[in-house]
Amino acid sequence: MPAAKKARAVGFNHVALEVGDIEEALAFYRRIFEFELRGKSENMAFIDLGDQFLALQKGRRQPADDGRHFGLVVDDKDAVRQALAEAGVETVPGPFLDFRDPWGNRFEIVGYDNIQFSKAPNVLRGMGLTHLAKNGNALKELTEKGMAPEGLAPG
């Protein structure tokens, strides 16, 4: 009997985080990031990430995340580091730029230039981020998978 066909996971549409209060969460995240709201209600808010979004849902009940985290890609990692310092938000010790929000959600901040994750040119254009580029290591990884942007493979 042939094995059933399996769907291939191809990416994320959104990540959902539980927070204590939607307005407090939006105020906290605005101290760290520039963003547009996709939508909001009393119990939910949706932060636009171009062709993806971060969903905030009222009702955090579990303790702070330790190893469990998600990597949030940003256009300027140093700007996040500075905003965290100015907001008095402590980073998690270690080799990465990690922090927890007031509800214990753990973020790992990742620079767009340094990873394989890529936005399509039309999405970057719509987000006003056409200036973003990949560094040599990221281009090498993308090239090895046959995914380097045309004309941008490392030499």
N, C-alpha and C. Protein backbone atom coordinates (compact mmCIF):
# COMPACT_ATOMS: atom_id res chain seq x y z
N MET A 1 0.85 -1.17 0.00
CA MET A 1 0.00 0.00 0.00
C MET A 1 0.90 1.24 0.00
N PRO A 2 0.70 2.18 -0.94
CA PRO A 2 1.56 3.37 -1.01
C PRO A 2 1.33 4.30 0.19
N ALA A 3 2.40 4.96 0.59
CA ALA A 3 2.31 5.91 1.70
C ALA A 3 1.48 7.12 1.27
N ALA A 4 0.74 7.66 2.19
CA ALA A 4 -0.07 8.84 1.91
C ALA A 4 0.84 10.03 1.63
N LYS A 5 0.44 10.85 0.68
CA LYS A 5 1.20 12.06 0.37
C LYS A 5 1.13 13.01 1.55
N LYS A 6 2.27 13.59 1.88
CA LYS A 6 2.34 14.55 2.98
C LYS A 6 2.49 15.95 2.43
N ALA A 7 1.88 16.90 3.09
CA ALA A 7 2.04 18.31 2.72
C ALA A 7 3.43 18.77 3.13
N ARG A 8 4.00 19.65 2.37
CA ARG A 8 5.32 20.20 2.70
C ARG A 8 5.15 21.54 3.41
N ALA A 9 5.78 21.69 4.57
CA ALA A 9 5.75 22.96 5.28
C ALA A 9 6.59 23.95 4.50
N VAL A 10 6.04 25.13 4.20
CA VAL A 10 6.75 26.09 3.34
C VAL A 10 6.99 27.44 3.99
N GLY A 11 6.53 27.66 5.20
CA GLY A 11 6.78 28.94 5.84
C GLY A 11 5.75 29.25 6.90
N PHE A 12 5.83 30.44 7.43
CA PHE A 12 4.92 30.89 8.47
C PHE A 12 4.05 32.02 7.95
N ASN A 13 2.77 31.93 8.24
CA ASN A 13 1.86 33.02 7.97
C ASN A 13 1.90 34.02 9.13
N HIS A 14 1.93 33.47 10.35
CA HIS A 14 1.99 34.33 11.53
C HIS A 14 2.48 33.53 12.73
N VAL A 15 2.86 34.27 13.75
CA VAL A 15 3.18 33.72 15.07
C VAL A 15 2.21 34.41 16.02
N ALA A 16 1.63 33.64 16.95
CA ALA A 16 0.70 34.21 17.92
C ALA A 16 1.35 34.21 19.31
N LEU A 17 1.26 35.34 19.98
CA LEU A 17 1.79 35.49 21.33
C LEU A 17 0.66 35.87 22.27
N GLU A 18 0.69 35.29 23.45
CA GLU A 18 -0.27 35.67 24.48
C GLU A 18 0.33 36.78 25.33
N VAL A 19 -0.46 37.81 25.56
CA VAL A 19 -0.03 38.95 26.37
C VAL A 19 -1.10 39.23 27.42
N GLY A 20 -0.75 40.01 28.44
CA GLY A 20 -1.72 40.31 29.49
C GLY A 20 -2.77 41.31 29.07
N ASP A 21 -2.38 42.30 28.27
CA ASP A 21 -3.28 43.37 27.87
C ASP A 21 -2.85 43.87 26.49
N ILE A 22 -3.78 44.00 25.58
CA ILE A 22 -3.46 44.39 24.19
C ILE A 22 -2.86 45.79 24.13
N GLU A 23 -3.47 46.77 24.77
CA GLU A 23 -2.95 48.15 24.71
C GLU A 23 -1.57 48.26 25.35
N GLU A 24 -1.37 47.58 26.48
CA GLU A 24 -0.05 47.60 27.11
C GLU A 24 0.99 46.93 26.22
N ALA A 25 0.60 45.84 25.58
CA ALA A 25 1.54 45.14 24.69
C ALA A 25 1.91 46.02 23.50
N LEU A 26 0.94 46.66 22.89
CA LEU A 26 1.25 47.54 21.76
C LEU A 26 2.15 48.69 22.19
N ALA A 27 1.89 49.26 23.36
CA ALA A 27 2.74 50.34 23.86
C ALA A 27 4.16 49.84 24.10
N PHE A 28 4.31 48.65 24.67
CA PHE A 28 5.64 48.09 24.91
C PHE A 28 6.37 47.86 23.58
N TYR A 29 5.72 47.20 22.65
CA TYR A 29 6.38 46.87 21.37
C TYR A 29 6.72 48.14 20.58
N ARG A 30 5.92 49.20 20.71
CA ARG A 30 6.22 50.46 20.01
C ARG A 30 7.47 51.13 20.57
N ARG A 31 7.83 50.81 21.79
CA ARG A 31 9.07 51.35 22.35
C ARG A 31 10.29 50.68 21.71
N ILE A 32 10.10 49.51 21.14
CA ILE A 32 11.21 48.73 20.59
C ILE A 32 11.22 48.73 19.06
N PHE A 33 10.05 48.65 18.46
CA PHE A 33 9.94 48.46 17.01
C PHE A 33 9.06 49.52 16.35
N GLU A 34 9.34 49.78 15.09
CA GLU A 34 8.44 50.56 14.23
C GLU A 34 7.54 49.54 13.54
N PHE A 35 6.23 49.74 13.58
CA PHE A 35 5.32 48.79 12.92
C PHE A 35 3.98 49.44 12.63
N GLU A 36 3.23 48.77 11.75
CA GLU A 36 1.86 49.15 11.42
C GLU A 36 0.93 48.06 11.94
N LEU A 37 -0.23 48.46 12.42
CA LEU A 37 -1.24 47.48 12.83
C LEU A 37 -2.01 47.00 11.61
N ARG A 38 -2.22 45.71 11.52
CA ARG A 38 -3.05 45.12 10.48
C ARG A 38 -4.51 45.15 10.93
N GLY A 39 -4.73 45.06 12.23
CA GLY A 39 -6.07 45.09 12.79
C GLY A 39 -6.01 44.95 14.29
N LYS A 40 -7.12 45.29 14.97
CA LYS A 40 -7.12 45.22 16.43
C LYS A 40 -8.55 45.11 16.93
N SER A 41 -8.70 44.35 18.02
CA SER A 41 -9.95 44.30 18.76
C SER A 41 -9.60 44.37 20.24
N GLU A 42 -10.57 44.20 21.10
CA GLU A 42 -10.32 44.27 22.54
C GLU A 42 -9.37 43.17 23.00
N ASN A 43 -9.45 42.01 22.37
CA ASN A 43 -8.68 40.85 22.82
C ASN A 43 -7.57 40.42 21.88
N MET A 44 -7.42 41.08 20.73
CA MET A 44 -6.39 40.68 19.77
C MET A 44 -5.86 41.90 19.02
N ALA A 45 -4.63 41.79 18.56
CA ALA A 45 -4.04 42.79 17.68
C ALA A 45 -3.12 42.07 16.71
N PHE A 46 -2.96 42.64 15.53
CA PHE A 46 -2.17 42.01 14.48
C PHE A 46 -1.16 43.03 13.97
N ILE A 47 0.13 42.74 14.22
CA ILE A 47 1.22 43.60 13.79
C ILE A 47 1.66 43.16 12.41
N ASP A 48 1.60 44.06 11.45
CA ASP A 48 1.90 43.75 10.05
C ASP A 48 3.40 43.56 9.84
N LEU A 49 3.76 42.47 9.18
CA LEU A 49 5.14 42.17 8.79
C LEU A 49 5.21 41.98 7.28
N GLY A 50 4.47 42.78 6.54
CA GLY A 50 4.43 42.64 5.09
C GLY A 50 3.49 41.53 4.68
N ASP A 51 4.05 40.38 4.31
CA ASP A 51 3.24 39.23 3.90
C ASP A 51 3.04 38.24 5.05
N GLN A 52 3.39 38.65 6.25
CA GLN A 52 3.22 37.85 7.46
C GLN A 52 2.72 38.78 8.56
N PHE A 53 2.41 38.20 9.74
CA PHE A 53 2.02 39.08 10.83
C PHE A 53 2.29 38.42 12.16
N LEU A 54 2.36 39.26 13.17
CA LEU A 54 2.49 38.82 14.55
C LEU A 54 1.14 39.06 15.21
N ALA A 55 0.54 38.00 15.73
CA ALA A 55 -0.76 38.10 16.38
C ALA A 55 -0.56 38.18 17.88
N LEU A 56 -1.21 39.14 18.51
CA LEU A 56 -1.18 39.27 19.96
C LEU A 56 -2.56 38.92 20.48
N GLN A 57 -2.60 38.05 21.47
CA GLN A 57 -3.88 37.62 22.02
C GLN A 57 -3.86 37.83 23.53
N LYS A 58 -4.89 38.46 24.04
CA LYS A 58 -5.01 38.71 25.47
C LYS A 58 -5.21 37.38 26.20
N GLY A 59 -4.48 37.20 27.33
CA GLY A 59 -4.73 36.03 28.14
C GLY A 59 -3.52 35.16 28.44
N ARG A 60 -2.35 35.73 28.63
CA ARG A 60 -1.17 34.93 28.97
C ARG A 60 -1.36 34.30 30.35
N ARG A 61 -1.16 32.97 30.46
CA ARG A 61 -1.33 32.27 31.72
C ARG A 61 -0.11 31.44 32.12
N GLN A 62 0.77 31.14 31.20
CA GLN A 62 1.91 30.28 31.53
C GLN A 62 3.10 31.12 32.01
N PRO A 63 4.08 30.46 32.64
CA PRO A 63 5.26 31.20 33.10
C PRO A 63 6.10 31.68 31.92
N ALA A 64 7.09 32.51 32.23
CA ALA A 64 7.98 33.06 31.19
C ALA A 64 8.65 31.95 30.40
N ASP A 65 8.86 32.21 29.10
CA ASP A 65 9.54 31.26 28.24
C ASP A 65 11.03 31.25 28.56
N ASP A 66 11.61 30.06 28.53
CA ASP A 66 13.05 29.93 28.76
C ASP A 66 13.70 29.68 27.42
N GLY A 67 13.83 28.42 27.03
CA GLY A 67 14.41 28.11 25.73
C GLY A 67 13.45 28.34 24.58
N ARG A 68 12.15 28.22 24.85
CA ARG A 68 11.16 28.43 23.80
C ARG A 68 11.17 29.90 23.40
N HIS A 69 11.30 30.15 22.11
CA HIS A 69 11.40 31.51 21.60
C HIS A 69 11.04 31.50 20.12
N PHE A 70 11.02 32.68 19.53
CA PHE A 70 10.94 32.77 18.07
C PHE A 70 11.91 33.84 17.62
N GLY A 71 12.41 33.67 16.40
CA GLY A 71 13.36 34.62 15.83
C GLY A 71 12.61 35.66 15.02
N LEU A 72 12.70 36.90 15.44
CA LEU A 72 12.05 38.00 14.73
C LEU A 72 13.10 38.70 13.87
N VAL A 73 12.87 38.73 12.57
CA VAL A 73 13.81 39.33 11.64
C VAL A 73 13.55 40.83 11.57
N VAL A 74 14.65 41.59 11.66
CA VAL A 74 14.56 43.05 11.62
C VAL A 74 15.53 43.61 10.58
N ASP A 75 15.27 44.84 10.18
CA ASP A 75 16.15 45.49 9.21
C ASP A 75 17.40 46.06 9.86
N ASP A 76 17.38 46.30 11.18
CA ASP A 76 18.51 46.93 11.86
C ASP A 76 18.61 46.40 13.29
N LYS A 77 19.43 45.39 13.47
CA LYS A 77 19.59 44.74 14.77
C LYS A 77 20.17 45.70 15.81
N ASP A 78 21.10 46.56 15.40
CA ASP A 78 21.69 47.51 16.33
C ASP A 78 20.66 48.51 16.84
N ALA A 79 19.72 48.89 16.00
CA ALA A 79 18.65 49.80 16.44
C ALA A 79 17.79 49.14 17.52
N VAL A 80 17.55 47.83 17.39
CA VAL A 80 16.79 47.13 18.42
C VAL A 80 17.58 47.10 19.72
N ARG A 81 18.86 46.81 19.62
CA ARG A 81 19.72 46.77 20.81
C ARG A 81 19.65 48.13 21.54
N GLN A 82 19.72 49.22 20.81
CA GLN A 82 19.66 50.55 21.39
C GLN A 82 18.28 50.82 21.99
N ALA A 83 17.21 50.46 21.28
CA ALA A 83 15.85 50.69 21.79
C ALA A 83 15.60 49.89 23.07
N LEU A 84 16.11 48.68 23.13
CA LEU A 84 15.97 47.87 24.35
C LEU A 84 16.66 48.55 25.52
N ALA A 85 17.87 49.05 25.29
CA ALA A 85 18.61 49.74 26.35
C ALA A 85 17.86 50.98 26.80
N GLU A 86 17.37 51.78 25.85
CA GLU A 86 16.65 53.01 26.19
C GLU A 86 15.35 52.72 26.94
N ALA A 87 14.73 51.57 26.63
CA ALA A 87 13.47 51.20 27.29
C ALA A 87 13.72 50.48 28.63
N GLY A 88 15.00 50.24 28.95
CA GLY A 88 15.32 49.55 30.19
C GLY A 88 15.00 48.08 30.17
N VAL A 89 14.95 47.49 28.99
CA VAL A 89 14.63 46.07 28.85
C VAL A 89 15.94 45.27 28.87
N GLU A 90 16.03 44.34 29.80
CA GLU A 90 17.23 43.51 29.91
C GLU A 90 17.25 42.46 28.81
N THR A 91 18.43 42.21 28.27
CA THR A 91 18.58 41.13 27.30
C THR A 91 18.91 39.85 28.06
N VAL A 92 18.63 38.73 27.42
CA VAL A 92 18.92 37.41 27.98
C VAL A 92 20.40 37.13 27.74
N PRO A 93 21.16 36.76 28.78
CA PRO A 93 22.58 36.47 28.57
C PRO A 93 22.77 35.37 27.52
N GLY A 94 23.79 35.51 26.71
CA GLY A 94 24.09 34.51 25.70
C GLY A 94 24.61 35.17 24.45
N PRO A 95 24.86 34.35 23.42
CA PRO A 95 25.49 34.86 22.21
C PRO A 95 24.55 35.62 21.27
N PHE A 96 23.25 35.59 21.53
CA PHE A 96 22.28 36.22 20.64
C PHE A 96 21.64 37.42 21.31
N LEU A 97 20.90 38.19 20.53
CA LEU A 97 20.16 39.33 21.07
C LEU A 97 18.74 38.85 21.39
N ASP A 98 18.57 38.33 22.59
CA ASP A 98 17.28 37.83 23.05
C ASP A 98 16.77 38.72 24.18
N PHE A 99 15.45 38.86 24.26
CA PHE A 99 14.82 39.54 25.39
C PHE A 99 13.44 38.94 25.60
N ARG A 100 12.90 39.19 26.78
CA ARG A 100 11.52 38.77 27.08
C ARG A 100 10.66 40.01 27.23
N ASP A 101 9.45 39.93 26.70
CA ASP A 101 8.51 41.03 26.91
C ASP A 101 7.95 40.92 28.34
N PRO A 102 7.13 41.87 28.78
CA PRO A 102 6.62 41.82 30.16
C PRO A 102 5.79 40.58 30.48
N TRP A 103 5.34 39.82 29.48
CA TRP A 103 4.53 38.63 29.69
C TRP A 103 5.34 37.36 29.56
N GLY A 104 6.64 37.49 29.36
CA GLY A 104 7.52 36.32 29.32
C GLY A 104 7.76 35.73 27.95
N ASN A 105 7.20 36.34 26.89
CA ASN A 105 7.47 35.86 25.54
C ASN A 105 8.91 36.19 25.19
N ARG A 106 9.66 35.19 24.72
CA ARG A 106 11.08 35.38 24.42
C ARG A 106 11.27 35.61 22.93
N PHE A 107 11.94 36.70 22.60
CA PHE A 107 12.25 37.10 21.24
C PHE A 107 13.75 36.89 21.00
N GLU A 108 14.11 36.35 19.86
CA GLU A 108 15.50 36.39 19.40
C GLU A 108 15.52 37.32 18.20
N ILE A 109 16.30 38.38 18.27
CA ILE A 109 16.35 39.37 17.20
C ILE A 109 17.41 38.95 16.20
N VAL A 110 17.01 38.89 14.94
CA VAL A 110 17.87 38.40 13.86
C VAL A 110 17.91 39.46 12.76
N GLY A 111 19.11 39.81 12.31
CA GLY A 111 19.25 40.77 11.23
C GLY A 111 18.96 40.15 9.87
N TYR A 112 18.18 40.83 9.05
CA TYR A 112 17.80 40.33 7.73
C TYR A 112 19.02 39.98 6.88
N ASP A 113 20.08 40.74 7.01
CA ASP A 113 21.26 40.55 6.15
C ASP A 113 21.99 39.25 6.40
N ASN A 114 21.80 38.65 7.56
CA ASN A 114 22.66 37.56 8.00
C ASN A 114 22.00 36.18 7.96
N ILE A 115 20.83 36.05 7.36
CA ILE A 115 20.12 34.77 7.38
C ILE A 115 19.54 34.43 6.02
N GLN A 116 19.15 33.16 5.86
CA GLN A 116 18.57 32.71 4.60
C GLN A 116 17.19 33.29 4.34
N PHE A 117 16.41 33.51 5.38
CA PHE A 117 15.06 34.05 5.23
C PHE A 117 15.08 35.25 4.28
N SER A 118 14.21 35.22 3.29
CA SER A 118 14.18 36.30 2.30
C SER A 118 12.75 36.70 2.00
N LYS A 119 12.55 37.99 1.89
CA LYS A 119 11.27 38.51 1.43
C LYS A 119 11.36 38.65 -0.09
N ALA A 120 10.28 38.37 -0.78
CA ALA A 120 10.23 38.56 -2.23
C ALA A 120 10.42 40.04 -2.55
N PRO A 121 11.04 40.35 -3.70
CA PRO A 121 11.28 41.76 -4.05
C PRO A 121 10.02 42.63 -4.00
N ASN A 122 8.89 42.09 -4.41
CA ASN A 122 7.67 42.88 -4.39
C ASN A 122 7.21 43.17 -2.95
N VAL A 123 7.48 42.25 -2.02
CA VAL A 123 7.12 42.47 -0.62
C VAL A 123 8.06 43.52 -0.01
N LEU A 124 9.37 43.39 -0.27
CA LEU A 124 10.31 44.40 0.21
C LEU A 124 9.94 45.79 -0.32
N ARG A 125 9.57 45.85 -1.59
CA ARG A 125 9.17 47.14 -2.18
C ARG A 125 7.95 47.69 -1.44
N GLY A 126 6.96 46.86 -1.21
CA GLY A 126 5.76 47.30 -0.51
C GLY A 126 6.01 47.73 0.92
N MET A 127 7.05 47.17 1.53
CA MET A 127 7.40 47.53 2.90
C MET A 127 8.38 48.70 2.97
N GLY A 128 8.82 49.20 1.79
CA GLY A 128 9.79 50.29 1.77
C GLY A 128 11.18 49.84 2.21
N LEU A 129 11.53 48.59 1.93
CA LEU A 129 12.80 48.02 2.40
C LEU A 129 13.67 47.50 1.26
N THR A 130 13.58 48.13 0.11
CA THR A 130 14.36 47.64 -1.04
C THR A 130 15.86 47.81 -0.84
N HIS A 131 16.28 48.58 0.14
CA HIS A 131 17.71 48.77 0.42
C HIS A 131 18.34 47.59 1.14
N LEU A 132 17.52 46.66 1.67
CA LEU A 132 18.08 45.53 2.41
C LEU A 132 18.80 44.56 1.49
N ALA A 133 19.90 44.01 1.96
CA ALA A 133 20.69 43.05 1.18
C ALA A 133 21.18 41.95 2.12
N LYS A 134 21.63 40.86 1.53
CA LYS A 134 22.18 39.74 2.28
C LYS A 134 23.70 39.85 2.33
N ASN A 135 24.30 39.37 3.43
CA ASN A 135 25.76 39.35 3.49
C ASN A 135 26.28 38.10 2.78
N GLY A 136 27.59 37.98 2.67
CA GLY A 136 28.21 36.88 1.95
C GLY A 136 27.84 35.51 2.47
N ASN A 137 27.79 35.35 3.79
CA ASN A 137 27.43 34.05 4.37
C ASN A 137 26.00 33.65 4.01
N ALA A 138 25.09 34.59 4.12
CA ALA A 138 23.69 34.30 3.79
C ALA A 138 23.55 33.97 2.31
N LEU A 139 24.24 34.73 1.45
CA LEU A 139 24.19 34.45 0.01
C LEU A 139 24.77 33.08 -0.31
N LYS A 140 25.83 32.70 0.39
CA LYS A 140 26.43 31.38 0.17
C LYS A 140 25.43 30.28 0.52
N GLU A 141 24.78 30.41 1.68
CA GLU A 141 23.79 29.42 2.10
C GLU A 141 22.64 29.35 1.10
N LEU A 142 22.16 30.50 0.65
CA LEU A 142 21.08 30.53 -0.33
C LEU A 142 21.52 29.91 -1.66
N THR A 143 22.73 30.21 -2.08
CA THR A 143 23.25 29.68 -3.34
C THR A 143 23.34 28.16 -3.28
N GLU A 144 23.83 27.63 -2.16
CA GLU A 144 23.96 26.18 -2.01
C GLU A 144 22.62 25.47 -2.11
N LYS A 145 21.54 26.16 -1.81
CA LYS A 145 20.19 25.59 -1.91
C LYS A 145 19.50 25.96 -3.22
N GLY A 146 20.21 26.68 -4.09
CA GLY A 146 19.60 27.12 -5.35
C GLY A 146 18.58 28.22 -5.15
N MET A 147 18.74 29.02 -4.11
CA MET A 147 17.76 30.04 -3.77
C MET A 147 18.30 31.46 -3.78
N ALA A 148 19.51 31.68 -4.26
CA ALA A 148 20.09 33.03 -4.26
C ALA A 148 19.30 33.93 -5.19
N PRO A 149 19.07 35.17 -4.77
CA PRO A 149 18.41 36.12 -5.67
C PRO A 149 19.24 36.26 -6.95
N GLU A 150 18.56 36.38 -8.08
CA GLU A 150 19.27 36.50 -9.37
C GLU A 150 20.27 37.64 -9.34
N GLY A 151 21.46 37.34 -9.80
CA GLY A 151 22.52 38.34 -9.89
C GLY A 151 23.19 38.65 -8.57
N LEU A 152 22.80 37.95 -7.49
CA LEU A 152 23.37 38.26 -6.18
C LEU A 152 24.14 37.11 -5.56
N ALA A 153 24.41 36.05 -6.32
CA ALA A 153 25.18 34.94 -5.76
C ALA A 153 26.59 35.43 -5.47
N PRO A 154 27.20 34.92 -4.39
CA PRO A 154 28.57 35.34 -4.06
C PRO A 154 29.54 34.93 -5.15
N GLY A 155 30.58 35.75 -5.34
CA GLY A 155 31.55 35.53 -6.39
C GLY A 155 32.60 34.62 -6.05
